[in-house]
Amino acid sequence: MDFWARLDNLIEFKNLTRKEVAAQANFSYSSFTNGRKRESVPAADVALRIAKVLGVSVEYLLEGELPKIKSDKDLLELVKIYRKLSTRDKSVLLTLAKKLNE
């Protein structure tokens, strides 16, 4: 998985849009789209702003290392389990989570 795929996963996980993240990170949406198409990593300062908006480290966006979650071990365990599920099971779990959150 590359920078942009991890970014998209986080955006979806946090229930945001690409446009929202670009705006909050002071990064133009067109640069976001172009970077994705070219599969190029943004400049360090932009990557840092994006990481801050999403609450992860730049290392996570670049290398895929799990973010450090010190205060919530249950959340970390859920993320680990989720990553091992099939696409179908992820969809079922997400539907269930949304229903529980209503």
PDB file of N, CA and C in Angstrom:
ATOM      1  N   MET A   1       0.847  -1.167   0.000  1.00  0.00           N
ATOM      2  CA  MET A   1       0.000   0.000   0.000  1.00  0.00           C
ATOM      3  C   MET A   1       0.903   1.245   0.000  1.00  0.00           C
ATOM      4  N   ASP A   2       0.550   2.223  -0.796  1.00  0.00           N
ATOM      5  CA  ASP A   2       1.374   3.426  -0.895  1.00  0.00           C
ATOM      6  C   ASP A   2       0.787   4.584  -0.084  1.00  0.00           C
ATOM      7  N   PHE A   3       1.480   5.711  -0.120  1.00  0.00           N
ATOM      8  CA  PHE A   3       1.080   6.917   0.614  1.00  0.00           C
ATOM      9  C   PHE A   3      -0.389   7.248   0.361  1.00  0.00           C
ATOM     10  N   TRP A   4      -0.773   7.307  -0.915  1.00  0.00           N
ATOM     11  CA  TRP A   4      -2.124   7.746  -1.267  1.00  0.00           C
ATOM     12  C   TRP A   4      -3.182   6.732  -0.843  1.00  0.00           C
ATOM     13  N   ALA A   5      -2.873   5.456  -0.927  1.00  0.00           N
ATOM     14  CA  ALA A   5      -3.824   4.428  -0.488  1.00  0.00           C
ATOM     15  C   ALA A   5      -4.030   4.514   1.021  1.00  0.00           C
ATOM     16  N   ARG A   6      -2.928   4.688   1.771  1.00  0.00           N
ATOM     17  CA  ARG A   6      -3.063   4.847   3.222  1.00  0.00           C
ATOM     18  C   ARG A   6      -3.849   6.109   3.554  1.00  0.00           C
ATOM     19  N   LEU A   7      -3.578   7.171   2.804  1.00  0.00           N
ATOM     20  CA  LEU A   7      -4.296   8.424   3.005  1.00  0.00           C
ATOM     21  C   LEU A   7      -5.791   8.225   2.762  1.00  0.00           C
ATOM     22  N   ASP A   8      -6.141   7.575   1.673  1.00  0.00           N
ATOM     23  CA  ASP A   8      -7.557   7.315   1.378  1.00  0.00           C
ATOM     24  C   ASP A   8      -8.209   6.455   2.459  1.00  0.00           C
ATOM     25  N   ASN A   9      -7.482   5.460   2.966  1.00  0.00           N
ATOM     26  CA  ASN A   9      -8.025   4.617   4.037  1.00  0.00           C
ATOM     27  C   ASN A   9      -8.307   5.444   5.287  1.00  0.00           C
ATOM     28  N   LEU A  10      -7.385   6.321   5.632  1.00  0.00           N
ATOM     29  CA  LEU A  10      -7.584   7.180   6.808  1.00  0.00           C
ATOM     30  C   LEU A  10      -8.745   8.144   6.607  1.00  0.00           C
ATOM     31  N   ILE A  11      -8.824   8.704   5.417  1.00  0.00           N
ATOM     32  CA  ILE A  11      -9.912   9.632   5.115  1.00  0.00           C
ATOM     33  C   ILE A  11     -11.257   8.924   5.277  1.00  0.00           C
ATOM     34  N   GLU A  12     -11.346   7.720   4.750  1.00  0.00           N
ATOM     35  CA  GLU A  12     -12.582   6.949   4.883  1.00  0.00           C
ATOM     36  C   GLU A  12     -12.839   6.587   6.345  1.00  0.00           C
ATOM     37  N   PHE A  13     -11.792   6.141   7.049  1.00  0.00           N
ATOM     38  CA  PHE A  13     -11.914   5.746   8.452  1.00  0.00           C
ATOM     39  C   PHE A  13     -12.414   6.914   9.306  1.00  0.00           C
ATOM     40  N   LYS A  14     -11.956   8.116   9.004  1.00  0.00           N
ATOM     41  CA  LYS A  14     -12.330   9.292   9.787  1.00  0.00           C
ATOM     42  C   LYS A  14     -13.578   9.981   9.245  1.00  0.00           C
ATOM     43  N   ASN A  15     -14.197   9.364   8.220  1.00  0.00           N
ATOM     44  CA  ASN A  15     -15.443   9.868   7.634  1.00  0.00           C
ATOM     45  C   ASN A  15     -15.279  11.304   7.125  1.00  0.00           C
ATOM     46  N   LEU A  16     -14.179  11.535   6.421  1.00  0.00           N
ATOM     47  CA  LEU A  16     -13.904  12.828   5.817  1.00  0.00           C
ATOM     48  C   LEU A  16     -13.908  12.674   4.308  1.00  0.00           C
ATOM     49  N   THR A  17     -13.729  13.782   3.608  1.00  0.00           N
ATOM     50  CA  THR A  17     -13.550  13.750   2.159  1.00  0.00           C
ATOM     51  C   THR A  17     -12.147  14.235   1.831  1.00  0.00           C
ATOM     52  N   ARG A  18     -11.711  13.929   0.636  1.00  0.00           N
ATOM     53  CA  ARG A  18     -10.399  14.410   0.191  1.00  0.00           C
ATOM     54  C   ARG A  18     -10.357  15.935   0.210  1.00  0.00           C
ATOM     55  N   LYS A  19     -11.449  16.552  -0.222  1.00  0.00           N
ATOM     56  CA  LYS A  19     -11.502  18.019  -0.254  1.00  0.00           C
ATOM     57  C   LYS A  19     -11.377  18.600   1.151  1.00  0.00           C
ATOM     58  N   GLU A  20     -12.023  17.978   2.127  1.00  0.00           N
ATOM     59  CA  GLU A  20     -11.935  18.466   3.504  1.00  0.00           C
ATOM     60  C   GLU A  20     -10.504  18.376   4.030  1.00  0.00           C
ATOM     61  N   VAL A  21      -9.866  17.249   3.781  1.00  0.00           N
ATOM     62  CA  VAL A  21      -8.492  17.060   4.253  1.00  0.00           C
ATOM     63  C   VAL A  21      -7.563  18.044   3.554  1.00  0.00           C
ATOM     64  N   ALA A  22      -7.713  18.208   2.250  1.00  0.00           N
ATOM     65  CA  ALA A  22      -6.873  19.154   1.511  1.00  0.00           C
ATOM     66  C   ALA A  22      -7.048  20.564   2.078  1.00  0.00           C
ATOM     67  N   ALA A  23      -8.282  20.967   2.313  1.00  0.00           N
ATOM     68  CA  ALA A  23      -8.533  22.315   2.847  1.00  0.00           C
ATOM     69  C   ALA A  23      -7.938  22.484   4.240  1.00  0.00           C
ATOM     70  N   GLN A  24      -8.138  21.501   5.111  1.00  0.00           N
ATOM     71  CA  GLN A  24      -7.628  21.589   6.482  1.00  0.00           C
ATOM     72  C   GLN A  24      -6.099  21.569   6.519  1.00  0.00           C
ATOM     73  N   ALA A  25      -5.486  20.922   5.533  1.00  0.00           N
ATOM     74  CA  ALA A  25      -4.024  20.832   5.485  1.00  0.00           C
ATOM     75  C   ALA A  25      -3.412  21.958   4.646  1.00  0.00           C
ATOM     76  N   ASN A  26      -4.270  22.877   4.196  1.00  0.00           N
ATOM     77  CA  ASN A  26      -3.806  23.984   3.368  1.00  0.00           C
ATOM     78  C   ASN A  26      -3.048  23.461   2.144  1.00  0.00           C
ATOM     79  N   PHE A  27      -3.699  22.528   1.466  1.00  0.00           N
ATOM     80  CA  PHE A  27      -3.135  21.812   0.323  1.00  0.00           C
ATOM     81  C   PHE A  27      -4.203  21.802  -0.747  1.00  0.00           C
ATOM     82  N   SER A  28      -3.907  22.300  -1.924  1.00  0.00           N
ATOM     83  CA  SER A  28      -4.958  22.403  -2.942  1.00  0.00           C
ATOM     84  C   SER A  28      -5.467  21.021  -3.357  1.00  0.00           C
ATOM     85  N   TYR A  29      -6.760  20.951  -3.588  1.00  0.00           N
ATOM     86  CA  TYR A  29      -7.369  19.682  -3.995  1.00  0.00           C
ATOM     87  C   TYR A  29      -6.791  19.214  -5.333  1.00  0.00           C
ATOM     88  N   SER A  30      -6.507  20.147  -6.238  1.00  0.00           N
ATOM     89  CA  SER A  30      -5.940  19.749  -7.535  1.00  0.00           C
ATOM     90  C   SER A  30      -4.539  19.144  -7.354  1.00  0.00           C
ATOM     91  N   SER A  31      -3.756  19.676  -6.400  1.00  0.00           N
ATOM     92  CA  SER A  31      -2.444  19.081  -6.117  1.00  0.00           C
ATOM     93  C   SER A  31      -2.608  17.684  -5.537  1.00  0.00           C
ATOM     94  N   PHE A  32      -3.634  17.529  -4.717  1.00  0.00           N
ATOM     95  CA  PHE A  32      -3.970  16.224  -4.140  1.00  0.00           C
ATOM     96  C   PHE A  32      -4.243  15.226  -5.266  1.00  0.00           C
ATOM     97  N   THR A  33      -5.102  15.626  -6.191  1.00  0.00           N
ATOM     98  CA  THR A  33      -5.487  14.754  -7.302  1.00  0.00           C
ATOM     99  C   THR A  33      -4.292  14.464  -8.213  1.00  0.00           C
ATOM    100  N   ASN A  34      -3.509  15.493  -8.519  1.00  0.00           N
ATOM    101  CA  ASN A  34      -2.348  15.302  -9.385  1.00  0.00           C
ATOM    102  C   ASN A  34      -1.297  14.407  -8.741  1.00  0.00           C
ATOM    103  N   GLY A  35      -1.062  14.593  -7.451  1.00  0.00           N
ATOM    104  CA  GLY A  35      -0.103  13.746  -6.750  1.00  0.00           C
ATOM    105  C   GLY A  35      -0.520  12.294  -6.788  1.00  0.00           C
ATOM    106  N   ARG A  36      -1.819  12.077  -6.618  1.00  0.00           N
ATOM    107  CA  ARG A  36      -2.353  10.709  -6.656  1.00  0.00           C
ATOM    108  C   ARG A  36      -2.140  10.096  -8.028  1.00  0.00           C
ATOM    109  N   LYS A  37      -2.448  10.852  -9.079  1.00  0.00           N
ATOM    110  CA  LYS A  37      -2.292  10.355 -10.447  1.00  0.00           C
ATOM    111  C   LYS A  37      -0.830  10.040 -10.761  1.00  0.00           C
ATOM    112  N   ARG A  38       0.075  10.919 -10.326  1.00  0.00           N
ATOM    113  CA  ARG A  38       1.505  10.723 -10.600  1.00  0.00           C
ATOM    114  C   ARG A  38       2.149   9.745  -9.628  1.00  0.00           C
ATOM    115  N   GLU A  39       1.406   9.387  -8.581  1.00  0.00           N
ATOM    116  CA  GLU A  39       1.915   8.510  -7.523  1.00  0.00           C
ATOM    117  C   GLU A  39       3.175   9.087  -6.891  1.00  0.00           C
ATOM    118  N   SER A  40       3.177  10.416  -6.734  1.00  0.00           N
ATOM    119  CA  SER A  40       4.313  11.078  -6.093  1.00  0.00           C
ATOM    120  C   SER A  40       3.934  11.495  -4.683  1.00  0.00           C
ATOM    121  N   VAL A  41       4.879  11.431  -3.801  1.00  0.00           N
ATOM    122  CA  VAL A  41       4.657  11.812  -2.410  1.00  0.00           C
ATOM    123  C   VAL A  41       4.784  13.330  -2.318  1.00  0.00           C
ATOM    124  N   PRO A  42       3.888  13.982  -1.579  1.00  0.00           N
ATOM    125  CA  PRO A  42       3.998  15.437  -1.452  1.00  0.00           C
ATOM    126  C   PRO A  42       5.259  15.835  -0.686  1.00  0.00           C
ATOM    127  N   ALA A  43       5.583  17.109  -0.761  1.00  0.00           N
ATOM    128  CA  ALA A  43       6.730  17.649  -0.028  1.00  0.00           C
ATOM    129  C   ALA A  43       6.553  17.377   1.464  1.00  0.00           C
ATOM    130  N   ALA A  44       7.670  17.336   2.175  1.00  0.00           N
ATOM    131  CA  ALA A  44       7.652  16.999   3.609  1.00  0.00           C
ATOM    132  C   ALA A  44       6.715  17.893   4.407  1.00  0.00           C
ATOM    133  N   ASP A  45       6.719  19.195   4.140  1.00  0.00           N
ATOM    134  CA  ASP A  45       5.858  20.097   4.912  1.00  0.00           C
ATOM    135  C   ASP A  45       4.386  19.816   4.656  1.00  0.00           C
ATOM    136  N   VAL A  46       4.041  19.462   3.427  1.00  0.00           N
ATOM    137  CA  VAL A  46       2.651  19.133   3.095  1.00  0.00           C
ATOM    138  C   VAL A  46       2.267  17.802   3.738  1.00  0.00           C
ATOM    139  N   ALA A  47       3.138  16.824   3.647  1.00  0.00           N
ATOM    140  CA  ALA A  47       2.868  15.515   4.265  1.00  0.00           C
ATOM    141  C   ALA A  47       2.666  15.677   5.769  1.00  0.00           C
ATOM    142  N   LEU A  48       3.457  16.540   6.392  1.00  0.00           N
ATOM    143  CA  LEU A  48       3.323  16.789   7.829  1.00  0.00           C
ATOM    144  C   LEU A  48       1.974  17.425   8.151  1.00  0.00           C
ATOM    145  N   ARG A  49       1.546  18.391   7.357  1.00  0.00           N
ATOM    146  CA  ARG A  49       0.237  19.020   7.594  1.00  0.00           C
ATOM    147  C   ARG A  49      -0.901  18.015   7.418  1.00  0.00           C
ATOM    148  N   ILE A  50      -0.791  17.180   6.397  1.00  0.00           N
ATOM    149  CA  ILE A  50      -1.817  16.152   6.167  1.00  0.00           C
ATOM    150  C   ILE A  50      -1.851  15.184   7.351  1.00  0.00           C
ATOM    151  N   ALA A  51      -0.682  14.743   7.789  1.00  0.00           N
ATOM    152  CA  ALA A  51      -0.598  13.813   8.920  1.00  0.00           C
ATOM    153  C   ALA A  51      -1.231  14.424  10.171  1.00  0.00           C
ATOM    154  N   LYS A  52      -0.960  15.699  10.422  1.00  0.00           N
ATOM    155  CA  LYS A  52      -1.531  16.370  11.595  1.00  0.00           C
ATOM    156  C   LYS A  52      -3.051  16.433  11.512  1.00  0.00           C
ATOM    157  N   VAL A  53      -3.583  16.726  10.335  1.00  0.00           N
ATOM    158  CA  VAL A  53      -5.038  16.777  10.154  1.00  0.00           C
ATOM    159  C   VAL A  53      -5.660  15.419  10.480  1.00  0.00           C
ATOM    160  N   LEU A  54      -4.980  14.343  10.088  1.00  0.00           N
ATOM    161  CA  LEU A  54      -5.525  12.996  10.269  1.00  0.00           C
ATOM    162  C   LEU A  54      -5.113  12.343  11.587  1.00  0.00           C
ATOM    163  N   GLY A  55      -4.251  13.016  12.333  1.00  0.00           N
ATOM    164  CA  GLY A  55      -3.863  12.492  13.643  1.00  0.00           C
ATOM    165  C   GLY A  55      -2.946  11.288  13.602  1.00  0.00           C
ATOM    166  N   VAL A  56      -2.100  11.229  12.573  1.00  0.00           N
ATOM    167  CA  VAL A  56      -1.128  10.139  12.453  1.00  0.00           C
ATOM    168  C   VAL A  56       0.253  10.734  12.217  1.00  0.00           C
ATOM    169  N   SER A  57       1.254   9.888  12.207  1.00  0.00           N
ATOM    170  CA  SER A  57       2.607  10.349  11.927  1.00  0.00           C
ATOM    171  C   SER A  57       2.862  10.345  10.420  1.00  0.00           C
ATOM    172  N   VAL A  58       3.831  11.129  10.009  1.00  0.00           N
ATOM    173  CA  VAL A  58       4.253  11.118   8.610  1.00  0.00           C
ATOM    174  C   VAL A  58       4.800   9.733   8.272  1.00  0.00           C
ATOM    175  N   GLU A  59       5.493   9.125   9.234  1.00  0.00           N
ATOM    176  CA  GLU A  59       6.034   7.778   9.016  1.00  0.00           C
ATOM    177  C   GLU A  59       4.927   6.791   8.661  1.00  0.00           C
ATOM    178  N   TYR A  60       3.783   6.943   9.309  1.00  0.00           N
ATOM    179  CA  TYR A  60       2.668   6.050   8.985  1.00  0.00           C
ATOM    180  C   TYR A  60       2.236   6.253   7.536  1.00  0.00           C
ATOM    181  N   LEU A  61       2.086   7.502   7.125  1.00  0.00           N
ATOM    182  CA  LEU A  61       1.658   7.765   5.750  1.00  0.00           C
ATOM    183  C   LEU A  61       2.677   7.255   4.732  1.00  0.00           C
ATOM    184  N   LEU A  62       3.950   7.380   5.059  1.00  0.00           N
ATOM    185  CA  LEU A  62       4.998   6.972   4.128  1.00  0.00           C
ATOM    186  C   LEU A  62       5.276   5.475   4.137  1.00  0.00           C
ATOM    187  N   GLU A  63       5.284   4.886   5.333  1.00  0.00           N
ATOM    188  CA  GLU A  63       5.750   3.507   5.455  1.00  0.00           C
ATOM    189  C   GLU A  63       4.689   2.511   5.902  1.00  0.00           C
ATOM    190  N   GLY A  64       3.566   3.003   6.382  1.00  0.00           N
ATOM    191  CA  GLY A  64       2.493   2.106   6.789  1.00  0.00           C
ATOM    192  C   GLY A  64       2.610   1.576   8.190  1.00  0.00           C
ATOM    193  N   GLU A  65       3.541   2.124   8.956  1.00  0.00           N
ATOM    194  CA  GLU A  65       3.681   1.703  10.346  1.00  0.00           C
ATOM    195  C   GLU A  65       2.439   2.150  11.109  1.00  0.00           C
ATOM    196  N   LEU A  66       1.890   1.243  11.923  1.00  0.00           N
ATOM    197  CA  LEU A  66       0.700   1.590  12.698  1.00  0.00           C
ATOM    198  C   LEU A  66       0.953   2.814  13.563  1.00  0.00           C
ATOM    199  N   PRO A  67      -0.013   3.724  13.605  1.00  0.00           N
ATOM    200  CA  PRO A  67       0.160   4.876  14.494  1.00  0.00           C
ATOM    201  C   PRO A  67       0.199   4.424  15.939  1.00  0.00           C
ATOM    202  N   LYS A  68       0.910   5.151  16.737  1.00  0.00           N
ATOM    203  CA  LYS A  68       1.013   4.831  18.151  1.00  0.00           C
ATOM    204  C   LYS A  68      -0.263   5.287  18.861  1.00  0.00           C
ATOM    205  N   ILE A  69      -0.988   4.350  19.421  1.00  0.00           N
ATOM    206  CA  ILE A  69      -2.201   4.664  20.164  1.00  0.00           C
ATOM    207  C   ILE A  69      -1.943   4.224  21.596  1.00  0.00           C
ATOM    208  N   LYS A  70      -1.517   5.150  22.413  1.00  0.00           N
ATOM    209  CA  LYS A  70      -1.140   4.816  23.773  1.00  0.00           C
ATOM    210  C   LYS A  70      -2.341   4.744  24.706  1.00  0.00           C
ATOM    211  N   SER A  71      -3.332   5.565  24.450  1.00  0.00           N
ATOM    212  CA  SER A  71      -4.412   5.706  25.420  1.00  0.00           C
ATOM    213  C   SER A  71      -5.582   4.758  25.198  1.00  0.00           C
ATOM    214  N   ASP A  72      -5.635   4.054  24.091  1.00  0.00           N
ATOM    215  CA  ASP A  72      -6.796   3.220  23.819  1.00  0.00           C
ATOM    216  C   ASP A  72      -6.385   1.886  23.197  1.00  0.00           C
ATOM    217  N   LYS A  73      -6.083   0.913  24.048  1.00  0.00           N
ATOM    218  CA  LYS A  73      -5.631  -0.400  23.571  1.00  0.00           C
ATOM    219  C   LYS A  73      -6.734  -1.129  22.814  1.00  0.00           C
ATOM    220  N   ASP A  74      -7.996  -0.899  23.198  1.00  0.00           N
ATOM    221  CA  ASP A  74      -9.107  -1.545  22.497  1.00  0.00           C
ATOM    222  C   ASP A  74      -9.179  -1.078  21.042  1.00  0.00           C
ATOM    223  N   LEU A  75      -8.958   0.208  20.816  1.00  0.00           N
ATOM    224  CA  LEU A  75      -8.984   0.735  19.460  1.00  0.00           C
ATOM    225  C   LEU A  75      -7.877   0.113  18.620  1.00  0.00           C
ATOM    226  N   LEU A  76      -6.706   0.004  19.177  1.00  0.00           N
ATOM    227  CA  LEU A  76      -5.592  -0.611  18.468  1.00  0.00           C
ATOM    228  C   LEU A  76      -5.911  -2.060  18.114  1.00  0.00           C
ATOM    229  N   GLU A  77      -6.498  -2.782  19.056  1.00  0.00           N
ATOM    230  CA  GLU A  77      -6.873  -4.175  18.804  1.00  0.00           C
ATOM    231  C   GLU A  77      -7.922  -4.273  17.695  1.00  0.00           C
ATOM    232  N   LEU A  78      -8.898  -3.362  17.709  1.00  0.00           N
ATOM    233  CA  LEU A  78      -9.912  -3.350  16.650  1.00  0.00           C
ATOM    234  C   LEU A  78      -9.294  -3.091  15.281  1.00  0.00           C
ATOM    235  N   VAL A  79      -8.353  -2.171  15.204  1.00  0.00           N
ATOM    236  CA  VAL A  79      -7.695  -1.867  13.940  1.00  0.00           C
ATOM    237  C   VAL A  79      -6.931  -3.087  13.442  1.00  0.00           C
ATOM    238  N   LYS A  80      -6.233  -3.768  14.326  1.00  0.00           N
ATOM    239  CA  LYS A  80      -5.476  -4.964  13.936  1.00  0.00           C
ATOM    240  C   LYS A  80      -6.415  -6.051  13.405  1.00  0.00           C
ATOM    241  N   ILE A  81      -7.527  -6.255  14.094  1.00  0.00           N
ATOM    242  CA  ILE A  81      -8.507  -7.256  13.657  1.00  0.00           C
ATOM    243  C   ILE A  81      -9.105  -6.870  12.314  1.00  0.00           C
ATOM    244  N   TYR A  82      -9.500  -5.606  12.196  1.00  0.00           N
ATOM    245  CA  TYR A  82     -10.125  -5.103  10.966  1.00  0.00           C
ATOM    246  C   TYR A  82      -9.225  -5.342   9.754  1.00  0.00           C
ATOM    247  N   ARG A  83      -7.956  -5.083   9.908  1.00  0.00           N
ATOM    248  CA  ARG A  83      -7.019  -5.226   8.791  1.00  0.00           C
ATOM    249  C   ARG A  83      -6.898  -6.670   8.312  1.00  0.00           C
ATOM    250  N   LYS A  84      -7.233  -7.612   9.155  1.00  0.00           N
ATOM    251  CA  LYS A  84      -7.121  -9.032   8.782  1.00  0.00           C
ATOM    252  C   LYS A  84      -8.400  -9.572   8.141  1.00  0.00           C
ATOM    253  N   LEU A  85      -9.497  -8.805   8.203  1.00  0.00           N
ATOM    254  CA  LEU A  85     -10.780  -9.273   7.684  1.00  0.00           C
ATOM    255  C   LEU A  85     -10.835  -9.238   6.166  1.00  0.00           C
ATOM    256  N   SER A  86     -11.718 -10.072   5.611  1.00  0.00           N
ATOM    257  CA  SER A  86     -11.975 -10.036   4.170  1.00  0.00           C
ATOM    258  C   SER A  86     -12.739  -8.757   3.845  1.00  0.00           C
ATOM    259  N   THR A  87     -12.782  -8.403   2.584  1.00  0.00           N
ATOM    260  CA  THR A  87     -13.507  -7.204   2.155  1.00  0.00           C
ATOM    261  C   THR A  87     -14.971  -7.291   2.548  1.00  0.00           C
ATOM    262  N   ARG A  88     -15.554  -8.458   2.385  1.00  0.00           N
ATOM    263  CA  ARG A  88     -16.962  -8.656   2.743  1.00  0.00           C
ATOM    264  C   ARG A  88     -17.170  -8.467   4.243  1.00  0.00           C
ATOM    265  N   ASP A  89     -16.299  -9.062   5.046  1.00  0.00           N
ATOM    266  CA  ASP A  89     -16.429  -8.948   6.497  1.00  0.00           C
ATOM    267  C   ASP A  89     -16.202  -7.511   6.977  1.00  0.00           C
ATOM    268  N   LYS A  90     -15.300  -6.790   6.305  1.00  0.00           N
ATOM    269  CA  LYS A  90     -15.097  -5.378   6.644  1.00  0.00           C
ATOM    270  C   LYS A  90     -16.378  -4.587   6.408  1.00  0.00           C
ATOM    271  N   SER A  91     -17.046  -4.889   5.303  1.00  0.00           N
ATOM    272  CA  SER A  91     -18.294  -4.202   4.978  1.00  0.00           C
ATOM    273  C   SER A  91     -19.373  -4.499   6.023  1.00  0.00           C
ATOM    274  N   VAL A  92     -19.471  -5.755   6.420  1.00  0.00           N
ATOM    275  CA  VAL A  92     -20.446  -6.155   7.441  1.00  0.00           C
ATOM    276  C   VAL A  92     -20.144  -5.446   8.762  1.00  0.00           C
ATOM    277  N   LEU A  93     -18.885  -5.438   9.154  1.00  0.00           N
ATOM    278  CA  LEU A  93     -18.490  -4.798  10.404  1.00  0.00           C
ATOM    279  C   LEU A  93     -18.766  -3.297  10.373  1.00  0.00           C
ATOM    280  N   LEU A  94     -18.478  -2.659   9.254  1.00  0.00           N
ATOM    281  CA  LEU A  94     -18.730  -1.230   9.124  1.00  0.00           C
ATOM    282  C   LEU A  94     -20.222  -0.930   9.213  1.00  0.00           C
ATOM    283  N   THR A  95     -21.045  -1.741   8.580  1.00  0.00           N
ATOM    284  CA  THR A  95     -22.497  -1.568   8.657  1.00  0.00           C
ATOM    285  C   THR A  95     -22.978  -1.714  10.095  1.00  0.00           C
ATOM    286  N   LEU A  96     -22.480  -2.712  10.787  1.00  0.00           N
ATOM    287  CA  LEU A  96     -22.845  -2.929  12.188  1.00  0.00           C
ATOM    288  C   LEU A  96     -22.416  -1.750  13.058  1.00  0.00           C
ATOM    289  N   ALA A  97     -21.190  -1.270  12.845  1.00  0.00           N
ATOM    290  CA  ALA A  97     -20.679  -0.141  13.635  1.00  0.00           C
ATOM    291  C   ALA A  97     -21.525   1.109  13.419  1.00  0.00           C
ATOM    292  N   LYS A  98     -21.931   1.341  12.173  1.00  0.00           N
ATOM    293  CA  LYS A  98     -22.784   2.499  11.879  1.00  0.00           C
ATOM    294  C   LYS A  98     -24.130   2.373  12.568  1.00  0.00           C
ATOM    295  N   LYS A  99     -24.685   1.166  12.584  1.00  0.00           N
ATOM    296  CA  LYS A  99     -25.977   0.956  13.263  1.00  0.00           C
ATOM    297  C   LYS A  99     -25.829   1.187  14.780  1.00  0.00           C
ATOM    298  N   LEU A 100     -24.748   0.709  15.347  1.00  0.00           N
ATOM    299  CA  LEU A 100     -24.520   0.889  16.790  1.00  0.00           C
ATOM    300  C   LEU A 100     -24.299   2.359  17.144  1.00  0.00           C
ATOM    301  N   ASN A 101     -23.792   3.118  16.186  1.00  0.00           N
ATOM    302  CA  ASN A 101     -23.496   4.524  16.421  1.00  0.00           C
ATOM    303  C   ASN A 101     -24.717   5.431  16.247  1.00  0.00           C
ATOM    304  N   GLU A 102     -25.805   4.903  15.725  1.00  0.00           N
ATOM    305  CA  GLU A 102     -27.021   5.717  15.489  1.00  0.00           C
ATOM    306  C   GLU A 102     -27.683   6.102  16.793  1.00  0.00           C
TER     307      GLU A 102
END
